[in-house]
């Protein structure tokens, strides 16, 4: 009866150890699953935040484009008026051929030229 009892006890311990190992493997597998799920959720949240930022940037750029386009059209409409006024001035009151601007007027012309070029 001793050998039989030993076999029975050995089977209980083997089954108990196998059950314990199975439980530990299940806990480890569940933890690994939760970890991967957390990583995936974090990646999704980061992608959603990047998409929201991209959407906000696109909206801001589109607003800027609208403002710039309006300014370009305004300048295009103003350009013919300035050219016409200049031509009328040259035709109505031409300067003499020997006319040379003095230093002050030359500085004023240069400043106006620089300002005109800067606005382009």
C-alpha atoms as a PDB file:
ATOM      1  CA  UNK A   1       0.000   0.000   0.000  1.00  0.00           C
ATOM      2  CA  UNK A   2       2.953   2.370   0.480  1.00  0.00           C
ATOM      3  CA  UNK A   3       3.878   2.368  -3.204  1.00  0.00           C
ATOM      4  CA  UNK A   4       0.334   2.911  -4.224  1.00  0.00           C
ATOM      5  CA  UNK A   5      -0.062   5.808  -1.769  1.00  0.00           C
ATOM      6  CA  UNK A   6       3.161   7.293  -3.045  1.00  0.00           C
ATOM      7  CA  UNK A   7       1.850   7.122  -6.634  1.00  0.00           C
ATOM      8  CA  UNK A   8      -1.399   8.748  -5.606  1.00  0.00           C
ATOM      9  CA  UNK A   9       0.376  11.533  -3.749  1.00  0.00           C
ATOM     10  CA  UNK A  10       2.826  11.972  -6.610  1.00  0.00           C
ATOM     11  CA  UNK A  11      -0.055  12.317  -9.038  1.00  0.00           C
ATOM     12  CA  UNK A  12      -1.694  14.943  -6.812  1.00  0.00           C
ATOM     13  CA  UNK A  13       1.518  16.941  -6.635  1.00  0.00           C
ATOM     14  CA  UNK A  14       2.147  16.608 -10.356  1.00  0.00           C
ATOM     15  CA  UNK A  15      -1.403  17.674 -11.103  1.00  0.00           C
ATOM     16  CA  UNK A  16      -1.139  20.500  -8.600  1.00  0.00           C
ATOM     17  CA  UNK A  17       2.159  21.679 -10.090  1.00  0.00           C
ATOM     18  CA  UNK A  18       0.730  21.397 -13.601  1.00  0.00           C
ATOM     19  CA  UNK A  19      -2.334  23.385 -12.528  1.00  0.00           C
ATOM     20  CA  UNK A  20      -0.143  26.002 -10.883  1.00  0.00           C
ATOM     21  CA  UNK A  21       2.021  26.285 -14.021  1.00  0.00           C
ATOM     22  CA  UNK A  22      -1.080  26.526 -16.163  1.00  0.00           C
ATOM     23  CA  UNK A  23      -2.476  29.308 -13.943  1.00  0.00           C
ATOM     24  CA  UNK A  24       0.839  31.189 -14.052  1.00  0.00           C
ATOM     25  CA  UNK A  25       0.993  30.827 -17.845  1.00  0.00           C
ATOM     26  CA  UNK A  26      -2.563  32.134 -18.128  1.00  0.00           C
ATOM     27  CA  UNK A  27      -1.768  35.120 -15.901  1.00  0.00           C
ATOM     28  CA  UNK A  28       1.418  35.841 -17.870  1.00  0.00           C
ATOM     29  CA  UNK A  29      -0.469  35.533 -21.205  1.00  0.00           C
ATOM     30  CA  UNK A  30      -3.233  37.844 -19.971  1.00  0.00           C
ATOM     31  CA  UNK A  31      -0.676  40.405 -18.789  1.00  0.00           C
ATOM     32  CA  UNK A  32       1.110  40.260 -22.126  1.00  0.00           C
ATOM     33  CA  UNK A  33      -2.218  40.711 -23.944  1.00  0.00           C
ATOM     34  CA  UNK A  34      -3.080  43.736 -21.788  1.00  0.00           C
ATOM     35  CA  UNK A  35       0.380  45.236 -22.382  1.00  0.00           C
ATOM     36  CA  UNK A  36       0.037  44.909 -26.154  1.00  0.00           C
ATOM     37  CA  UNK A  37      -3.482  46.308 -25.990  1.00  0.00           C
ATOM     38  CA  UNK A  38      -2.180  49.306 -24.021  1.00  0.00           C
ATOM     39  CA  UNK A  39       0.600  49.903 -26.561  1.00  0.00           C
ATOM     40  CA  UNK A  40      -1.918  49.736 -29.416  1.00  0.00           C
ATOM     41  CA  UNK A  41      -4.278  52.155 -27.612  1.00  0.00           C
ATOM     42  CA  UNK A  42      -1.398  54.575 -27.009  1.00  0.00           C
ATOM     43  CA  UNK A  43      -0.374  54.448 -30.663  1.00  0.00           C
ATOM     44  CA  UNK A  44      -3.943  55.048 -31.794  1.00  0.00           C
ATOM     45  CA  UNK A  45      -4.294  57.990 -29.408  1.00  0.00           C
ATOM     46  CA  UNK A  46      -1.025  59.483 -30.714  1.00  0.00           C
ATOM     47  CA  UNK A  47      -2.181  59.096 -34.323  1.00  0.00           C
ATOM     48  CA  UNK A  48      -5.525  60.727 -33.529  1.00  0.00           C
ATOM     49  CA  UNK A  49      -3.770  63.645 -31.814  1.00  0.00           C
ATOM     50  CA  UNK A  50      -1.471  64.058 -34.829  1.00  0.00           C
ATOM     51  CA  UNK A  51      -4.482  64.000 -37.168  1.00  0.00           C
ATOM     52  CA  UNK A  52      -6.256  66.688 -35.096  1.00  0.00           C
ATOM     53  CA  UNK A  53      -3.123  68.849 -35.152  1.00  0.00           C
ATOM     54  CA  UNK A  54      -2.820  68.343 -38.919  1.00  0.00           C
ATOM     55  CA  UNK A  55      -6.462  69.363 -39.366  1.00  0.00           C
ATOM     56  CA  UNK A  56      -5.913  72.514 -37.291  1.00  0.00           C
ATOM     57  CA  UNK A  57      -2.758  73.372 -39.262  1.00  0.00           C
ATOM     58  CA  UNK A  58      -4.566  72.901 -42.577  1.00  0.00           C
ATOM     59  CA  UNK A  59      -7.419  75.156 -41.437  1.00  0.00           C
ATOM     60  CA  UNK A  60      -4.955  77.836 -40.296  1.00  0.00           C
ATOM     61  CA  UNK A  61      -3.035  77.653 -43.587  1.00  0.00           C
ATOM     62  CA  UNK A  62      -6.263  77.833 -45.599  1.00  0.00           C
ATOM     63  CA  UNK A  63      -7.270  80.962 -43.679  1.00  0.00           C
ATOM     64  CA  UNK A  64      -3.864  82.502 -44.391  1.00  0.00           C
ATOM     65  CA  UNK A  65      -4.168  81.638 -48.073  1.00  0.00           C
ATOM     66  CA  UNK A  66      -7.520  83.400 -48.242  1.00  0.00           C
ATOM     67  CA  UNK A  67      -6.090  86.529 -46.628  1.00  0.00           C
ATOM     68  CA  UNK A  68      -3.052  86.495 -48.906  1.00  0.00           C
ATOM     69  CA  UNK A  69      -5.151  85.926 -52.010  1.00  0.00           C
ATOM     70  CA  UNK A  70      -7.343  88.902 -51.106  1.00  0.00           C
ATOM     71  CA  UNK A  71      -4.223  91.047 -50.592  1.00  0.00           C
ATOM     72  CA  UNK A  72      -2.782  89.930 -53.956  1.00  0.00           C
ATOM     73  CA  UNK A  73      -6.006  90.840 -55.732  1.00  0.00           C
ATOM     74  CA  UNK A  74      -6.067  94.197 -53.960  1.00  0.00           C
ATOM     75  CA  UNK A  75      -2.514  94.927 -55.085  1.00  0.00           C
ATOM     76  CA  UNK A  76      -3.241  93.796 -58.645  1.00  0.00           C
ATOM     77  CA  UNK A  77      -6.168  96.210 -58.829  1.00  0.00           C
ATOM     78  CA  UNK A  78      -4.079  99.020 -57.353  1.00  0.00           C
ATOM     79  CA  UNK A  79      -1.144  98.530 -59.762  1.00  0.00           C
ATOM     80  CA  UNK A  80      -2.903  99.787 -62.953  1.00  0.00           C
ATOM     81  CA  UNK A  81      -4.128 102.850 -61.053  1.00  0.00           C
ATOM     82  CA  UNK A  82      -0.583 103.715 -59.933  1.00  0.00           C
ATOM     83  CA  UNK A  83       0.812 103.179 -63.448  1.00  0.00           C
ATOM     84  CA  UNK A  84      -1.958 105.331 -64.946  1.00  0.00           C
ATOM     85  CA  UNK A  85      -1.335 108.126 -62.429  1.00  0.00           C
ATOM     86  CA  UNK A  86       2.403 108.010 -63.173  1.00  0.00           C
ATOM     87  CA  UNK A  87       1.852 108.138 -66.954  1.00  0.00           C
ATOM     88  CA  UNK A  88      -0.633 111.000 -66.608  1.00  0.00           C
ATOM     89  CA  UNK A  89       1.857 112.914 -64.488  1.00  0.00           C
ATOM     90  CA  UNK A  90       4.671 112.379 -66.994  1.00  0.00           C
ATOM     91  CA  UNK A  91       2.449 113.445 -69.913  1.00  0.00           C
ATOM     92  CA  UNK A  92       0.862 116.463 -68.180  1.00  0.00           C
ATOM     93  CA  UNK A  93       3.966 117.866 -66.535  1.00  0.00           C
ATOM     94  CA  UNK A  94       7.138 116.392 -68.011  1.00  0.00           C
ATOM     95  CA  UNK A  95      10.416 117.253 -66.397  1.00  0.00           C
ATOM     96  CA  UNK A  96      12.991 119.193 -68.375  1.00  0.00           C
ATOM     97  CA  UNK A  97      15.725 117.096 -69.970  1.00  0.00           C
ATOM     98  CA  UNK A  98      18.466 118.691 -67.883  1.00  0.00           C
ATOM     99  CA  UNK A  99      16.585 118.220 -64.603  1.00  0.00           C
ATOM    100  CA  UNK A 100      18.501 116.401 -61.876  1.00  0.00           C
ATOM    101  CA  UNK A 101      17.012 115.650 -58.444  1.00  0.00           C
ATOM    102  CA  UNK A 102      18.778 117.118 -55.459  1.00  0.00           C
ATOM    103  CA  UNK A 103      20.052 114.919 -52.609  1.00  0.00           C
ATOM    104  CA  UNK A 104      16.839 115.120 -50.567  1.00  0.00           C
ATOM    105  CA  UNK A 105      14.576 114.193 -53.485  1.00  0.00           C
ATOM    106  CA  UNK A 106      16.979 111.473 -54.577  1.00  0.00           C
ATOM    107  CA  UNK A 107      16.765 109.980 -51.078  1.00  0.00           C
ATOM    108  CA  UNK A 108      12.946 110.215 -51.203  1.00  0.00           C
ATOM    109  CA  UNK A 109      12.911 108.419 -54.593  1.00  0.00           C
ATOM    110  CA  UNK A 110      15.231 105.686 -53.298  1.00  0.00           C
ATOM    111  CA  UNK A 111      13.132 105.194 -50.179  1.00  0.00           C
ATOM    112  CA  UNK A 112       9.972 104.955 -52.278  1.00  0.00           C
ATOM    113  CA  UNK A 113      11.650 102.459 -54.629  1.00  0.00           C
ATOM    114  CA  UNK A 114      12.839 100.306 -51.722  1.00  0.00           C
ATOM    115  CA  UNK A 115       9.405 100.402 -50.115  1.00  0.00           C
ATOM    116  CA  UNK A 116       7.761  99.445 -53.420  1.00  0.00           C
ATOM    117  CA  UNK A 117      10.151  96.541 -53.902  1.00  0.00           C
ATOM    118  CA  UNK A 118       9.675  95.384 -50.309  1.00  0.00           C
ATOM    119  CA  UNK A 119       5.890  95.189 -50.748  1.00  0.00           C
ATOM    120  CA  UNK A 120       6.189  92.733 -53.662  1.00  0.00           C
END
